[in-house]
Amino acid sequence: MTADSLSRLRELLRGLLPGPVPEGISGEIIGLLRNCSGEFSGTRESKMQSYKLSRAEALTWEPPLLCFKIARHGATMLGSTREHMQQWHFDLTSKTAYQLMSGFRQVRPTAAKLTTAEMTRIAKGICEAIQDGPKSSLESATRLTWSGESEFRVKPSSLIPLGEFNRTRQGRRRRMTAVLQREIEAIGWMLVTQTGGWLVFRKAEMPPRVRKSL
């Protein structure tokens, strides 16, 4: 089966002029290459398996090399907005294959910039809800929950949009936590503990008044 596929692949490619492979025949060429890819040394590098060859694109015939690009989805499965692109060369004469990393391709929009100024604006909105007390209409929207009149907890991660690359999201949460703590402490609350992603605040005690001497 593999020998027949390799022979048929060579026959098809011999009939092509050097350059981009016509779309009308690229599907057949990819199918034959999948069937005989085990005949080429080097195909096991970068965890390349025959079924992944169905994603091959931009096929080019440069005798004796069949070249194409292929997207590797590992990064996007981890949340990245870009996917790795590899350039593969299959030598039909020596039956060898090798790949080069050819860059990245944007597959979905990157997360919008979230500046410190924007984080501060969000944090000040939370502070307004805090100052309104337990009856604040913003309580459910901001993940702000109260334990009586003098203690509440808030989850900074709820203020960061989902969908960014994991490292970006974690960095933004750390920054949001710092900004939120700073702004909340500025209106008279102190951080009691931080657990499970929640910040717990308690009303800070007012300093005792100093009696004036008569």
C-alpha atoms as a PDB file:
ATOM      1  CA  MET A   1       0.000   0.000   0.000  1.00  0.00           C
ATOM      2  CA  THR A   2       2.720   2.472   0.975  1.00  0.00           C
ATOM      3  CA  ALA A   3       4.908   1.469  -1.979  1.00  0.00           C
ATOM      4  CA  ASP A   4       1.986   1.870  -4.395  1.00  0.00           C
ATOM      5  CA  SER A   5       1.142   5.286  -2.896  1.00  0.00           C
ATOM      6  CA  LEU A   6       4.749   6.427  -3.186  1.00  0.00           C
ATOM      7  CA  SER A   7       4.939   5.304  -6.821  1.00  0.00           C
ATOM      8  CA  ARG A   8       1.663   7.058  -7.642  1.00  0.00           C
ATOM      9  CA  LEU A   9       2.839  10.210  -5.851  1.00  0.00           C
ATOM     10  CA  ARG A  10       6.068  10.272  -7.870  1.00  0.00           C
ATOM     11  CA  GLU A  11       4.114   9.740 -11.071  1.00  0.00           C
ATOM     12  CA  LEU A  12       1.770  12.643 -10.358  1.00  0.00           C
ATOM     13  CA  LEU A  13       4.575  15.004  -9.409  1.00  0.00           C
ATOM     14  CA  ARG A  14       6.619  14.157 -12.513  1.00  0.00           C
ATOM     15  CA  GLY A  15       3.752  15.458 -14.586  1.00  0.00           C
ATOM     16  CA  LEU A  16       3.751  18.858 -12.842  1.00  0.00           C
ATOM     17  CA  LEU A  17       5.732  21.944 -13.659  1.00  0.00           C
ATOM     18  CA  PRO A  18       7.854  23.343 -10.805  1.00  0.00           C
ATOM     19  CA  GLY A  19       5.930  25.806  -8.669  1.00  0.00           C
ATOM     20  CA  PRO A  20       2.665  25.869  -6.722  1.00  0.00           C
ATOM     21  CA  VAL A  21       0.662  22.655  -6.926  1.00  0.00           C
ATOM     22  CA  PRO A  22      -2.740  23.232  -8.583  1.00  0.00           C
ATOM     23  CA  GLU A  23      -5.614  23.098  -6.084  1.00  0.00           C
ATOM     24  CA  GLY A  24      -7.437  20.512  -8.167  1.00  0.00           C
ATOM     25  CA  ILE A  25      -4.753  17.913  -7.541  1.00  0.00           C
ATOM     26  CA  SER A  26      -3.432  18.962  -4.115  1.00  0.00           C
ATOM     27  CA  GLY A  27      -5.992  16.850  -2.236  1.00  0.00           C
ATOM     28  CA  GLU A  28      -4.927  13.683  -4.028  1.00  0.00           C
ATOM     29  CA  ILE A  29      -1.252  14.439  -3.456  1.00  0.00           C
ATOM     30  CA  ILE A  30      -1.816  14.990   0.263  1.00  0.00           C
ATOM     31  CA  GLY A  31      -3.765  11.724   0.494  1.00  0.00           C
ATOM     32  CA  LEU A  32      -0.976   9.780  -1.192  1.00  0.00           C
ATOM     33  CA  LEU A  33       1.635  11.452   1.000  1.00  0.00           C
ATOM     34  CA  ARG A  34      -0.299  10.470   4.126  1.00  0.00           C
ATOM     35  CA  ASN A  35      -0.328   6.843   2.970  1.00  0.00           C
ATOM     36  CA  CYS A  36       3.396   6.684   2.336  1.00  0.00           C
ATOM     37  CA  SER A  37       4.820   9.181   4.845  1.00  0.00           C
ATOM     38  CA  GLY A  38       6.275   6.301   6.865  1.00  0.00           C
ATOM     39  CA  GLU A  39       8.655   5.653   3.959  1.00  0.00           C
ATOM     40  CA  PHE A  40      10.398   8.987   4.620  1.00  0.00           C
ATOM     41  CA  SER A  41      13.019   9.263   7.338  1.00  0.00           C
ATOM     42  CA  GLY A  42      12.543  12.313   9.541  1.00  0.00           C
ATOM     43  CA  THR A  43       8.742  12.346   9.646  1.00  0.00           C
ATOM     44  CA  ARG A  44       8.648  11.493  13.349  1.00  0.00           C
ATOM     45  CA  GLU A  45      10.363  14.730  14.312  1.00  0.00           C
ATOM     46  CA  SER A  46       8.217  17.381  16.039  1.00  0.00           C
ATOM     47  CA  LYS A  47       5.631  14.664  16.749  1.00  0.00           C
ATOM     48  CA  MET A  48       4.490  14.747  13.134  1.00  0.00           C
ATOM     49  CA  GLN A  49       2.032  11.954  12.383  1.00  0.00           C
ATOM     50  CA  SER A  50       0.477  11.030   9.066  1.00  0.00           C
ATOM     51  CA  TYR A  51      -3.058  12.156   9.953  1.00  0.00           C
ATOM     52  CA  LYS A  52      -1.779  15.684  10.602  1.00  0.00           C
ATOM     53  CA  LEU A  53      -0.754  15.961   6.959  1.00  0.00           C
ATOM     54  CA  SER A  54      -4.401  16.622   6.108  1.00  0.00           C
ATOM     55  CA  ARG A  55      -3.730  20.183   7.317  1.00  0.00           C
ATOM     56  CA  ALA A  56      -0.988  20.692   4.706  1.00  0.00           C
ATOM     57  CA  GLU A  57      -1.381  23.874   2.673  1.00  0.00           C
ATOM     58  CA  ALA A  58       0.467  25.937   0.082  1.00  0.00           C
ATOM     59  CA  LEU A  59       1.931  22.866  -1.644  1.00  0.00           C
ATOM     60  CA  THR A  60       4.888  23.572  -3.910  1.00  0.00           C
ATOM     61  CA  TRP A  61       6.767  21.198  -6.190  1.00  0.00           C
ATOM     62  CA  GLU A  62      10.469  21.992  -6.498  1.00  0.00           C
ATOM     63  CA  PRO A  63      11.937  18.727  -7.907  1.00  0.00           C
ATOM     64  CA  PRO A  64      12.790  16.577  -6.083  1.00  0.00           C
ATOM     65  CA  LEU A  65      11.200  18.422  -3.121  1.00  0.00           C
ATOM     66  CA  LEU A  66       7.514  18.503  -2.279  1.00  0.00           C
ATOM     67  CA  CYS A  67       7.150  21.475   0.078  1.00  0.00           C
ATOM     68  CA  PHE A  68       4.199  22.664   2.114  1.00  0.00           C
ATOM     69  CA  LYS A  69       3.200  24.559   5.230  1.00  0.00           C
ATOM     70  CA  ILE A  70       1.303  23.060   8.108  1.00  0.00           C
ATOM     71  CA  ALA A  71      -0.241  24.630  11.210  1.00  0.00           C
ATOM     72  CA  ARG A  72       0.566  23.110  14.590  1.00  0.00           C
ATOM     73  CA  HIS A  73      -2.249  23.640  17.084  1.00  0.00           C
ATOM     74  CA  GLY A  74      -0.499  23.045  20.410  1.00  0.00           C
ATOM     75  CA  ALA A  75      -0.264  26.725  21.361  1.00  0.00           C
ATOM     76  CA  THR A  76      -3.855  27.545  20.405  1.00  0.00           C
ATOM     77  CA  MET A  77      -5.112  24.658  22.541  1.00  0.00           C
ATOM     78  CA  LEU A  78      -3.405  26.390  25.474  1.00  0.00           C
ATOM     79  CA  GLY A  79      -5.163  29.654  24.698  1.00  0.00           C
ATOM     80  CA  SER A  80      -2.751  31.432  22.381  1.00  0.00           C
ATOM     81  CA  THR A  81      -4.161  33.673  19.661  1.00  0.00           C
ATOM     82  CA  ARG A  82      -1.406  32.501  17.283  1.00  0.00           C
ATOM     83  CA  GLU A  83      -0.548  29.104  15.864  1.00  0.00           C
ATOM     84  CA  HIS A  84       2.892  27.816  14.893  1.00  0.00           C
ATOM     85  CA  MET A  85       3.515  27.375  11.184  1.00  0.00           C
ATOM     86  CA  GLN A  86       6.048  24.805   9.961  1.00  0.00           C
ATOM     87  CA  GLN A  87       7.569  24.432   6.519  1.00  0.00           C
ATOM     88  CA  TRP A  88       8.077  20.788   5.531  1.00  0.00           C
ATOM     89  CA  HIS A  89      10.242  19.443   2.706  1.00  0.00           C
ATOM     90  CA  PHE A  90       9.801  15.874   1.435  1.00  0.00           C
ATOM     91  CA  ASP A  91      12.582  14.698  -0.851  1.00  0.00           C
ATOM     92  CA  LEU A  92      11.087  12.155  -3.256  1.00  0.00           C
ATOM     93  CA  THR A  93      14.520  10.959  -4.390  1.00  0.00           C
ATOM     94  CA  SER A  94      16.237  10.287  -1.060  1.00  0.00           C
ATOM     95  CA  LYS A  95      12.971   9.602   0.812  1.00  0.00           C
ATOM     96  CA  THR A  96      13.909  12.014   3.567  1.00  0.00           C
ATOM     97  CA  ALA A  97      11.840  14.714   5.220  1.00  0.00           C
ATOM     98  CA  TYR A  98      12.694  17.693   7.378  1.00  0.00           C
ATOM     99  CA  GLN A  99      10.892  20.695   8.753  1.00  0.00           C
ATOM    100  CA  LEU A 100      11.653  24.316   9.468  1.00  0.00           C
ATOM    101  CA  MET A 101       9.712  26.590  11.795  1.00  0.00           C
ATOM    102  CA  SER A 102       8.410  29.287   9.490  1.00  0.00           C
ATOM    103  CA  GLY A 103       6.735  31.572  11.991  1.00  0.00           C
ATOM    104  CA  PHE A 104       3.285  32.182  13.385  1.00  0.00           C
ATOM    105  CA  ARG A 105      -0.178  32.949  12.084  1.00  0.00           C
ATOM    106  CA  GLN A 106      -2.798  35.000  13.912  1.00  0.00           C
ATOM    107  CA  VAL A 107      -5.950  32.899  14.216  1.00  0.00           C
ATOM    108  CA  ARG A 108      -8.070  35.212  16.347  1.00  0.00           C
ATOM    109  CA  PRO A 109      -7.812  38.813  17.544  1.00  0.00           C
ATOM    110  CA  THR A 110      -5.394  39.530  20.346  1.00  0.00           C
ATOM    111  CA  ALA A 111      -6.757  40.777  23.644  1.00  0.00           C
ATOM    112  CA  ALA A 112      -7.299  44.507  23.819  1.00  0.00           C
ATOM    113  CA  LYS A 113      -4.706  46.429  25.799  1.00  0.00           C
ATOM    114  CA  LEU A 114      -5.632  46.760  29.452  1.00  0.00           C
ATOM    115  CA  THR A 115      -3.638  49.670  30.800  1.00  0.00           C
ATOM    116  CA  THR A 116      -3.031  50.611  34.405  1.00  0.00           C
ATOM    117  CA  ALA A 117      -5.256  53.645  33.843  1.00  0.00           C
ATOM    118  CA  GLU A 118      -8.103  51.379  32.707  1.00  0.00           C
ATOM    119  CA  MET A 119      -7.565  49.065  35.684  1.00  0.00           C
ATOM    120  CA  THR A 120      -7.656  52.084  37.989  1.00  0.00           C
ATOM    121  CA  ARG A 121     -10.942  53.203  36.421  1.00  0.00           C
ATOM    122  CA  ILE A 122     -12.412  49.730  37.045  1.00  0.00           C
ATOM    123  CA  ALA A 123     -11.115  49.701  40.622  1.00  0.00           C
ATOM    124  CA  LYS A 124     -12.626  53.124  41.340  1.00  0.00           C
ATOM    125  CA  GLY A 125     -15.974  51.821  40.110  1.00  0.00           C
ATOM    126  CA  ILE A 126     -15.685  49.001  42.643  1.00  0.00           C
ATOM    127  CA  CYS A 127     -14.860  51.548  45.329  1.00  0.00           C
ATOM    128  CA  GLU A 128     -18.046  53.432  44.536  1.00  0.00           C
ATOM    129  CA  ALA A 129     -20.028  50.219  45.029  1.00  0.00           C
ATOM    130  CA  ILE A 130     -18.221  49.611  48.327  1.00  0.00           C
ATOM    131  CA  GLN A 131     -19.070  53.075  49.560  1.00  0.00           C
ATOM    132  CA  ASP A 132     -22.722  52.424  48.723  1.00  0.00           C
ATOM    133  CA  GLY A 133     -22.591  49.524  51.172  1.00  0.00           C
ATOM    134  CA  PRO A 134     -24.179  46.052  51.139  1.00  0.00           C
ATOM    135  CA  LYS A 135     -27.247  47.311  49.264  1.00  0.00           C
ATOM    136  CA  SER A 136     -25.179  48.412  46.280  1.00  0.00           C
ATOM    137  CA  SER A 137     -26.834  47.703  42.941  1.00  0.00           C
ATOM    138  CA  LEU A 138     -23.419  46.760  41.537  1.00  0.00           C
ATOM    139  CA  GLU A 139     -22.862  43.917  43.980  1.00  0.00           C
ATOM    140  CA  SER A 140     -23.776  41.001  41.696  1.00  0.00           C
ATOM    141  CA  ALA A 141     -22.024  42.450  38.647  1.00  0.00           C
ATOM    142  CA  THR A 142     -18.718  43.030  40.413  1.00  0.00           C
ATOM    143  CA  ARG A 143     -18.547  39.754  42.394  1.00  0.00           C
ATOM    144  CA  LEU A 144     -18.569  41.877  45.525  1.00  0.00           C
ATOM    145  CA  THR A 145     -20.096  40.016  48.469  1.00  0.00           C
ATOM    146  CA  TRP A 146     -20.621  41.371  51.972  1.00  0.00           C
ATOM    147  CA  SER A 147     -20.378  39.785  55.417  1.00  0.00           C
ATOM    148  CA  GLY A 148     -22.278  42.349  57.446  1.00  0.00           C
ATOM    149  CA  GLU A 149     -21.600  46.085  57.300  1.00  0.00           C
ATOM    150  CA  SER A 150     -17.872  46.041  57.952  1.00  0.00           C
ATOM    151  CA  GLU A 151     -16.466  43.199  55.857  1.00  0.00           C
ATOM    152  CA  PHE A 152     -16.661  42.153  52.215  1.00  0.00           C
ATOM    153  CA  ARG A 153     -14.759  40.138  49.660  1.00  0.00           C
ATOM    154  CA  VAL A 154     -14.072  40.763  45.994  1.00  0.00           C
ATOM    155  CA  LYS A 155     -12.534  38.598  43.262  1.00  0.00           C
ATOM    156  CA  PRO A 156     -10.090  40.514  41.002  1.00  0.00           C
ATOM    157  CA  SER A 157     -10.165  37.793  38.318  1.00  0.00           C
ATOM    158  CA  SER A 158     -13.859  38.515  37.714  1.00  0.00           C
ATOM    159  CA  LEU A 159     -12.836  41.959  36.472  1.00  0.00           C
ATOM    160  CA  ILE A 160     -10.511  40.576  33.760  1.00  0.00           C
ATOM    161  CA  PRO A 161     -12.056  39.451  30.431  1.00  0.00           C
ATOM    162  CA  LEU A 162     -11.748  35.751  29.617  1.00  0.00           C
ATOM    163  CA  GLY A 163     -10.162  34.386  26.462  1.00  0.00           C
ATOM    164  CA  GLU A 164      -6.639  35.785  26.566  1.00  0.00           C
ATOM    165  CA  PHE A 165      -3.545  33.631  26.453  1.00  0.00           C
ATOM    166  CA  ASN A 166      -3.017  32.102  29.898  1.00  0.00           C
ATOM    167  CA  ARG A 167       0.192  34.002  30.738  1.00  0.00           C
ATOM    168  CA  THR A 168      -1.424  37.296  29.701  1.00  0.00           C
ATOM    169  CA  ARG A 169      -4.490  36.628  31.846  1.00  0.00           C
ATOM    170  CA  GLN A 170      -2.395  35.719  34.898  1.00  0.00           C
ATOM    171  CA  GLY A 171      -0.283  38.855  34.552  1.00  0.00           C
ATOM    172  CA  ARG A 172      -3.364  41.036  34.279  1.00  0.00           C
ATOM    173  CA  ARG A 173      -4.908  39.448  37.360  1.00  0.00           C
ATOM    174  CA  ARG A 174      -1.800  40.194  39.400  1.00  0.00           C
ATOM    175  CA  ARG A 175      -1.822  43.807  38.250  1.00  0.00           C
ATOM    176  CA  MET A 176      -5.565  44.119  38.853  1.00  0.00           C
ATOM    177  CA  THR A 177      -5.146  42.753  42.379  1.00  0.00           C
ATOM    178  CA  ALA A 178      -2.480  45.335  43.208  1.00  0.00           C
ATOM    179  CA  VAL A 179      -4.484  48.234  41.769  1.00  0.00           C
ATOM    180  CA  LEU A 180      -7.694  47.110  43.467  1.00  0.00           C
ATOM    181  CA  GLN A 181      -6.018  46.753  46.854  1.00  0.00           C
ATOM    182  CA  ARG A 182      -4.460  50.207  46.557  1.00  0.00           C
ATOM    183  CA  GLU A 183      -7.729  51.916  45.670  1.00  0.00           C
ATOM    184  CA  ILE A 184      -9.807  50.104  48.305  1.00  0.00           C
ATOM    185  CA  GLU A 185      -7.306  50.845  51.062  1.00  0.00           C
ATOM    186  CA  ALA A 186      -7.389  54.502  50.034  1.00  0.00           C
ATOM    187  CA  ILE A 187     -11.085  54.714  51.011  1.00  0.00           C
ATOM    188  CA  GLY A 188     -10.596  53.284  54.482  1.00  0.00           C
ATOM    189  CA  TRP A 189     -10.566  49.500  54.232  1.00  0.00           C
ATOM    190  CA  MET A 190      -7.738  47.107  55.020  1.00  0.00           C
ATOM    191  CA  LEU A 191      -6.890  43.770  53.441  1.00  0.00           C
ATOM    192  CA  VAL A 192      -7.465  40.957  55.949  1.00  0.00           C
ATOM    193  CA  THR A 193      -6.616  37.912  53.861  1.00  0.00           C
ATOM    194  CA  GLN A 194      -6.288  36.640  50.305  1.00  0.00           C
ATOM    195  CA  THR A 195      -7.562  33.142  49.651  1.00  0.00           C
ATOM    196  CA  GLY A 196      -8.913  31.210  46.681  1.00  0.00           C
ATOM    197  CA  GLY A 197      -8.551  34.243  44.442  1.00  0.00           C
ATOM    198  CA  TRP A 198     -10.664  36.391  46.803  1.00  0.00           C
ATOM    199  CA  LEU A 199      -9.522  39.513  48.620  1.00  0.00           C
ATOM    200  CA  VAL A 200     -11.186  39.960  52.006  1.00  0.00           C
ATOM    201  CA  PHE A 201     -11.364  43.505  53.371  1.00  0.00           C
ATOM    202  CA  ARG A 202     -12.464  44.847  56.726  1.00  0.00           C
ATOM    203  CA  LYS A 203     -13.257  48.405  57.724  1.00  0.00           C
ATOM    204  CA  ALA A 204     -10.102  50.011  59.054  1.00  0.00           C
ATOM    205  CA  GLU A 205     -10.268  51.307  62.595  1.00  0.00           C
ATOM    206  CA  MET A 206     -10.215  55.063  62.923  1.00  0.00           C
ATOM    207  CA  PRO A 207      -7.208  56.387  64.841  1.00  0.00           C
ATOM    208  CA  PRO A 208      -8.101  57.695  68.322  1.00  0.00           C
ATOM    209  CA  ARG A 209      -8.670  61.431  68.622  1.00  0.00           C
ATOM    210  CA  VAL A 210      -6.023  63.401  70.402  1.00  0.00           C
ATOM    211  CA  ARG A 211      -7.491  65.535  73.183  1.00  0.00           C
ATOM    212  CA  LYS A 212      -6.526  69.153  72.982  1.00  0.00           C
ATOM    213  CA  SER A 213      -4.955  70.666  76.055  1.00  0.00           C
ATOM    214  CA  LEU A 214      -7.017  73.386  77.691  1.00  0.00           C
END
